[in-house]
Amino acid sequence: MSTELTSPPSETGTEPVVTALLVEDSVLIREALVEALSASGHVVFTAFAATANDAIAALKQQHFDLAVIDLELLEGTGFDVLSYIKNNELNPPVRVVLTNHAFSLYERRARMLGVEYFFDKSMHFTEAVQTIENVRPRQPDLPA
């Protein structure tokens, strides 16, 4: 499956638009997230990926303010994507894991790779959506 990229929208009013990468192999979950977040227009998914390689390709092509990542993918894992971000992104996106495999071991590993938020999609989907809605673009680190 190929990566889908769209142009980021311009800012609306005084609130900046958060450009997001959604790494999720379930079409149903992708559609549910897009629908849940489309009302505000604050978070806009500008790329979708169903595999780790597609997600990494998208990260190489475009900067994202936010990455929402499932751990189990069609090929590769969300950990592959998180490792890439940790080792290659100078201004990494805010990272949110949304998974059906919310084991404590997975959460510890994800947090070691820089994940700020970790949710079980079957139990905390609404909380995840609320958290994603509150994400603001990170300010890049300025050289000292």
Protein backbone atom coordinates (compact mmCIF):
# COMPACT_ATOMS: atom_id res chain seq x y z
CA MET A 1 0.00 0.00 0.00
CA SER A 2 1.42 3.38 -0.90
CA THR A 3 1.63 6.46 1.25
CA GLU A 4 -1.05 9.04 0.64
CA LEU A 5 0.06 12.67 0.96
CA THR A 6 -2.09 15.77 0.79
CA SER A 7 -1.21 19.44 0.98
CA PRO A 8 -1.36 20.91 4.47
CA PRO A 9 -4.12 23.48 4.93
CA SER A 10 -3.38 27.05 5.92
CA GLU A 11 -3.92 28.30 9.45
CA THR A 12 -7.48 29.05 10.46
CA GLY A 13 -7.98 32.12 12.63
CA THR A 14 -5.39 32.39 15.37
CA GLU A 15 -5.01 28.67 16.02
CA PRO A 16 -2.37 26.90 13.94
CA VAL A 17 -3.36 23.79 12.05
CA VAL A 18 -1.61 20.64 13.26
CA THR A 19 -0.41 18.52 10.35
CA ALA A 20 -0.54 14.84 11.20
CA LEU A 21 0.66 11.50 9.92
CA LEU A 22 -1.65 8.58 10.65
CA VAL A 23 0.08 5.19 10.68
CA GLU A 24 -2.77 2.71 10.83
CA ASP A 25 -3.56 -0.35 8.72
CA SER A 26 -7.27 -0.49 9.62
CA VAL A 27 -9.39 1.54 7.22
CA LEU A 28 -12.17 1.58 9.83
CA ILE A 29 -9.93 3.16 12.49
CA ARG A 30 -8.47 5.62 9.97
CA GLU A 31 -11.97 6.75 8.96
CA ALA A 32 -13.12 6.97 12.59
CA LEU A 33 -10.16 9.18 13.54
CA VAL A 34 -10.51 11.45 10.54
CA GLU A 35 -14.24 11.82 11.20
CA ALA A 36 -13.76 12.45 14.93
CA LEU A 37 -11.14 15.13 14.31
CA SER A 38 -12.57 16.79 11.21
CA ALA A 39 -15.13 18.97 13.00
CA SER A 40 -12.60 21.37 14.53
CA GLY A 41 -10.25 21.52 11.55
CA HIS A 42 -7.42 21.92 14.06
CA VAL A 43 -5.78 18.53 13.33
CA VAL A 44 -5.52 17.55 9.69
CA PHE A 45 -4.11 14.22 8.56
CA THR A 46 -1.93 15.10 5.58
CA ALA A 47 -0.55 11.57 5.13
CA PHE A 48 -1.65 8.01 5.83
CA ALA A 49 0.44 4.85 5.95
CA ALA A 50 -0.42 1.19 6.56
CA THR A 51 3.17 -0.09 6.77
CA ALA A 52 6.31 1.01 8.58
CA ASN A 53 8.13 1.64 5.28
CA ASP A 54 5.29 3.82 3.98
CA ALA A 55 5.32 5.82 7.20
CA ILE A 56 9.08 6.33 7.04
CA ALA A 57 8.80 7.40 3.39
CA ALA A 58 6.18 9.99 4.39
CA LEU A 59 8.41 11.27 7.21
CA LYS A 60 11.25 11.71 4.72
CA GLN A 61 9.00 13.74 2.39
CA GLN A 62 7.19 16.02 4.79
CA HIS A 63 7.42 17.48 8.31
CA PHE A 64 4.54 16.59 10.62
CA ASP A 65 3.52 18.24 13.88
CA LEU A 66 1.92 15.00 15.06
CA ALA A 67 2.26 11.28 14.37
CA VAL A 68 -0.50 8.90 15.46
CA ILE A 69 0.93 5.39 15.28
CA ASP A 70 -0.51 1.90 15.65
CA LEU A 71 1.98 -0.74 16.77
CA GLU A 72 0.73 -3.65 14.63
CA LEU A 73 0.89 -2.85 10.91
CA LEU A 74 0.51 -4.72 7.63
CA GLU A 75 4.31 -4.82 7.35
CA GLY A 76 6.75 -3.81 10.04
CA THR A 77 5.65 -2.32 13.33
CA GLY A 78 4.99 1.03 14.88
CA PHE A 79 8.23 0.53 16.82
CA ASP A 80 10.11 0.69 13.49
CA VAL A 81 8.49 4.07 12.82
CA LEU A 82 9.17 5.32 16.36
CA SER A 83 12.83 4.26 16.10
CA TYR A 84 13.17 6.10 12.80
CA ILE A 85 11.69 9.28 14.31
CA LYS A 86 13.89 9.10 17.40
CA ASN A 87 17.08 8.57 15.38
CA ASN A 88 16.43 10.83 12.39
CA GLU A 89 14.07 13.70 13.15
CA LEU A 90 15.67 16.91 14.43
CA ASN A 91 12.27 18.42 15.23
CA PRO A 92 10.21 15.28 15.90
CA PRO A 93 6.44 15.28 15.80
CA VAL A 94 4.42 14.77 18.95
CA ARG A 95 4.00 11.00 19.06
CA VAL A 96 0.75 9.28 20.04
CA VAL A 97 0.44 5.49 20.08
CA LEU A 98 -3.08 4.16 19.55
CA THR A 99 -3.04 0.37 19.71
CA ASN A 100 -5.01 -2.75 20.57
CA HIS A 101 -1.82 -4.10 22.15
CA ALA A 102 -1.52 -1.78 25.14
CA PHE A 103 0.74 -4.01 27.20
CA SER A 104 2.92 -2.33 29.84
CA LEU A 105 6.07 -3.69 28.18
CA TYR A 106 5.03 -2.10 24.87
CA GLU A 107 4.23 1.17 26.59
CA ARG A 108 7.65 1.27 28.30
CA ARG A 109 9.39 0.57 25.00
CA ALA A 110 7.32 3.22 23.20
CA ARG A 111 8.08 5.83 25.86
CA MET A 112 11.80 5.03 25.57
CA LEU A 113 11.40 5.88 21.88
CA GLY A 114 9.90 9.28 22.70
CA VAL A 115 6.16 8.61 22.76
CA GLU A 116 4.30 11.27 24.71
CA TYR A 117 0.88 9.57 24.74
CA PHE A 118 -0.05 5.88 24.74
CA PHE A 119 -3.67 4.68 24.40
CA ASP A 120 -5.56 1.42 24.09
CA LYS A 121 -7.82 2.09 21.11
CA SER A 122 -10.52 -0.32 22.28
CA MET A 123 -10.78 1.23 25.76
CA HIS A 124 -9.57 4.85 25.44
CA PHE A 125 -10.44 5.97 21.91
CA THR A 126 -12.40 9.03 23.10
CA GLU A 127 -9.56 10.08 25.44
CA ALA A 128 -7.09 9.65 22.57
CA VAL A 129 -9.19 11.86 20.30
CA GLN A 130 -9.43 14.54 23.01
CA THR A 131 -5.65 14.42 23.56
CA ILE A 132 -4.97 14.66 19.83
CA GLU A 133 -7.34 17.66 19.60
CA ASN A 134 -5.23 19.45 22.22
CA VAL A 135 -1.86 18.93 20.50
CA ARG A 136 -0.12 22.12 19.44
CA PRO A 137 2.77 22.33 16.98
CA ARG A 138 6.13 22.04 18.71
CA GLN A 139 8.50 24.96 18.44
CA PRO A 140 11.78 23.84 16.87
CA ASP A 141 14.80 23.87 19.14
CA LEU A 142 16.92 26.91 18.38
CA PRO A 143 20.69 26.53 18.22
CA ALA A 144 22.45 27.83 21.34
